[in-house]
Amino acid sequence: MYSFVRRTIRLVCYFVELEGNPQVNPQDQVDGFIWVNKDYEQQGIELAGMLHTKIVPELVKQGLL
């Protein structure tokens, strides 16, 4: 059974220019990473609900993606 609980989350986005190939530190609790742009759906990338419905559209609206 699914129970919805309203929660506030804080998400921080960093915009940078990188040189080279970024790597995940094996000691961090990160499974991996992926670069996402406004065309992520056409690239077959699936995002979590809040990213898909709220966050990415707002970043696109603001011209940040």
N, C-alpha and C. Protein backbone atom coordinates (compact mmCIF):
# COMPACT_ATOMS: atom_id res chain seq x y z
N MET A 1 0.84 -1.18 0.00
CA MET A 1 0.00 0.00 0.00
C MET A 1 0.89 1.25 0.00
N TYR A 2 0.51 2.24 -0.74
CA TYR A 2 1.27 3.47 -0.88
C TYR A 2 0.67 4.55 0.00
N SER A 3 1.52 5.23 0.73
CA SER A 3 1.07 6.33 1.58
C SER A 3 1.88 7.58 1.24
N PHE A 4 1.21 8.63 0.85
CA PHE A 4 1.89 9.87 0.48
C PHE A 4 2.10 10.74 1.71
N VAL A 5 3.34 11.15 1.90
CA VAL A 5 3.67 12.06 2.98
C VAL A 5 4.36 13.27 2.35
N ARG A 6 3.82 14.44 2.59
CA ARG A 6 4.40 15.66 2.02
C ARG A 6 5.69 15.98 2.78
N ARG A 7 6.77 16.11 2.04
CA ARG A 7 8.07 16.43 2.62
C ARG A 7 8.71 17.54 1.81
N THR A 8 9.52 18.33 2.47
CA THR A 8 10.31 19.35 1.79
C THR A 8 11.70 18.78 1.56
N ILE A 9 12.18 18.89 0.33
CA ILE A 9 13.55 18.48 0.05
C ILE A 9 14.33 19.69 -0.42
N ARG A 10 15.60 19.67 -0.17
CA ARG A 10 16.47 20.75 -0.62
C ARG A 10 17.43 20.17 -1.62
N LEU A 11 17.42 20.71 -2.81
CA LEU A 11 18.28 20.23 -3.88
C LEU A 11 19.15 21.38 -4.32
N VAL A 12 20.43 21.13 -4.43
CA VAL A 12 21.37 22.14 -4.87
C VAL A 12 21.92 21.72 -6.23
N CYS A 13 21.87 22.61 -7.19
CA CYS A 13 22.42 22.34 -8.52
C CYS A 13 23.66 23.21 -8.70
N TYR A 14 24.69 22.61 -9.21
CA TYR A 14 25.93 23.33 -9.50
C TYR A 14 26.14 23.32 -11.00
N PHE A 15 26.47 24.47 -11.55
CA PHE A 15 26.75 24.58 -12.98
C PHE A 15 28.22 24.91 -13.13
N VAL A 16 28.94 24.05 -13.82
CA VAL A 16 30.38 24.21 -13.95
C VAL A 16 30.82 23.86 -15.37
N GLU A 17 32.02 24.26 -15.69
CA GLU A 17 32.66 23.81 -16.92
C GLU A 17 33.79 22.88 -16.49
N LEU A 18 33.79 21.68 -17.05
CA LEU A 18 34.77 20.68 -16.66
C LEU A 18 35.76 20.41 -17.78
N GLU A 19 36.95 20.06 -17.39
CA GLU A 19 37.95 19.56 -18.32
C GLU A 19 38.30 18.15 -17.87
N GLY A 20 38.45 17.23 -18.81
CA GLY A 20 38.77 15.86 -18.46
C GLY A 20 37.52 15.04 -18.19
N ASN A 21 37.71 13.89 -17.57
CA ASN A 21 36.61 12.98 -17.29
C ASN A 21 36.38 12.87 -15.79
N PRO A 22 35.23 13.32 -15.30
CA PRO A 22 34.96 13.21 -13.87
C PRO A 22 34.83 11.74 -13.46
N GLN A 23 35.19 11.47 -12.21
CA GLN A 23 35.11 10.12 -11.69
C GLN A 23 34.46 10.15 -10.32
N VAL A 24 33.77 9.07 -9.99
CA VAL A 24 33.13 8.94 -8.69
C VAL A 24 34.15 8.35 -7.72
N ASN A 25 34.28 8.96 -6.55
CA ASN A 25 35.16 8.45 -5.51
C ASN A 25 34.54 7.16 -4.95
N PRO A 26 35.26 6.04 -4.99
CA PRO A 26 34.69 4.77 -4.51
C PRO A 26 34.25 4.81 -3.05
N GLN A 27 34.79 5.72 -2.25
CA GLN A 27 34.40 5.81 -0.84
C GLN A 27 33.14 6.63 -0.62
N ASP A 28 32.70 7.37 -1.63
CA ASP A 28 31.45 8.11 -1.53
C ASP A 28 30.28 7.15 -1.74
N GLN A 29 29.13 7.54 -1.28
CA GLN A 29 27.94 6.70 -1.46
C GLN A 29 27.19 7.12 -2.71
N VAL A 30 27.89 7.05 -3.83
CA VAL A 30 27.33 7.42 -5.13
C VAL A 30 27.46 6.22 -6.04
N ASP A 31 26.35 5.80 -6.62
CA ASP A 31 26.38 4.65 -7.53
C ASP A 31 26.91 5.03 -8.91
N GLY A 32 26.76 6.30 -9.28
CA GLY A 32 27.19 6.74 -10.59
C GLY A 32 26.66 8.14 -10.87
N PHE A 33 26.88 8.61 -12.06
CA PHE A 33 26.39 9.94 -12.43
C PHE A 33 26.08 9.94 -13.92
N ILE A 34 25.30 10.91 -14.32
CA ILE A 34 24.95 11.05 -15.73
C ILE A 34 24.75 12.54 -16.02
N TRP A 35 25.16 12.98 -17.18
CA TRP A 35 24.94 14.36 -17.59
C TRP A 35 23.54 14.47 -18.16
N VAL A 36 22.80 15.46 -17.72
CA VAL A 36 21.42 15.64 -18.17
C VAL A 36 21.28 17.02 -18.78
N ASN A 37 20.68 17.08 -19.96
CA ASN A 37 20.33 18.36 -20.56
C ASN A 37 18.84 18.37 -20.84
N LYS A 38 18.35 19.42 -21.46
CA LYS A 38 16.90 19.54 -21.65
C LYS A 38 16.33 18.48 -22.59
N ASP A 39 17.17 17.80 -23.34
CA ASP A 39 16.72 16.76 -24.27
C ASP A 39 16.87 15.36 -23.69
N TYR A 40 16.90 15.25 -22.38
CA TYR A 40 17.16 13.95 -21.74
C TYR A 40 16.15 12.88 -22.14
N GLU A 41 14.89 13.27 -22.32
CA GLU A 41 13.87 12.26 -22.68
C GLU A 41 14.14 11.66 -24.05
N GLN A 42 14.55 12.50 -25.02
CA GLN A 42 14.85 12.00 -26.36
C GLN A 42 16.08 11.10 -26.34
N GLN A 43 16.91 11.24 -25.32
CA GLN A 43 18.11 10.40 -25.18
C GLN A 43 17.81 9.11 -24.41
N GLY A 44 16.55 8.92 -24.02
CA GLY A 44 16.15 7.71 -23.32
C GLY A 44 16.48 7.71 -21.84
N ILE A 45 16.77 8.89 -21.28
CA ILE A 45 17.09 9.00 -19.86
C ILE A 45 15.80 9.18 -19.07
N GLU A 46 15.62 8.38 -18.02
CA GLU A 46 14.46 8.50 -17.14
C GLU A 46 14.91 9.13 -15.82
N LEU A 47 14.18 10.14 -15.39
CA LEU A 47 14.48 10.81 -14.13
C LEU A 47 13.40 10.51 -13.10
N ALA A 48 13.76 10.67 -11.84
CA ALA A 48 12.78 10.53 -10.76
C ALA A 48 11.67 11.56 -10.94
N GLY A 49 10.50 11.26 -10.40
CA GLY A 49 9.32 12.08 -10.59
C GLY A 49 9.50 13.57 -10.39
N MET A 50 10.05 13.97 -9.24
CA MET A 50 10.20 15.39 -8.94
C MET A 50 11.17 16.07 -9.90
N LEU A 51 12.25 15.40 -10.27
CA LEU A 51 13.18 15.97 -11.24
C LEU A 51 12.48 16.17 -12.58
N HIS A 52 11.71 15.16 -12.99
CA HIS A 52 11.04 15.20 -14.29
C HIS A 52 9.92 16.24 -14.35
N THR A 53 9.11 16.31 -13.30
CA THR A 53 7.91 17.16 -13.35
C THR A 53 8.13 18.59 -12.88
N LYS A 54 9.10 18.80 -12.02
CA LYS A 54 9.27 20.14 -11.42
C LYS A 54 10.63 20.77 -11.67
N ILE A 55 11.69 20.07 -11.33
CA ILE A 55 13.02 20.68 -11.27
C ILE A 55 13.58 20.96 -12.66
N VAL A 56 13.66 19.94 -13.52
CA VAL A 56 14.21 20.16 -14.85
C VAL A 56 13.38 21.17 -15.64
N PRO A 57 12.04 21.08 -15.64
CA PRO A 57 11.27 22.10 -16.36
C PRO A 57 11.55 23.52 -15.86
N GLU A 58 11.75 23.70 -14.56
CA GLU A 58 12.06 25.03 -14.04
C GLU A 58 13.44 25.49 -14.48
N LEU A 59 14.41 24.59 -14.51
CA LEU A 59 15.75 24.94 -15.00
C LEU A 59 15.71 25.33 -16.48
N VAL A 60 14.91 24.61 -17.26
CA VAL A 60 14.75 24.94 -18.69
C VAL A 60 14.08 26.31 -18.81
N LYS A 61 13.02 26.53 -18.05
CA LYS A 61 12.29 27.81 -18.07
C LYS A 61 13.21 28.99 -17.78
N GLN A 62 14.15 28.78 -16.84
CA GLN A 62 15.08 29.84 -16.46
C GLN A 62 16.28 29.93 -17.40
N GLY A 63 16.30 29.07 -18.43
CA GLY A 63 17.40 29.09 -19.39
C GLY A 63 18.69 28.49 -18.86
N LEU A 64 18.61 27.68 -17.82
CA LEU A 64 19.80 27.10 -17.22
C LEU A 64 20.13 25.74 -17.80
N LEU A 65 19.18 25.13 -18.49
CA LEU A 65 19.44 23.86 -19.20
C LEU A 65 19.00 24.03 -20.64
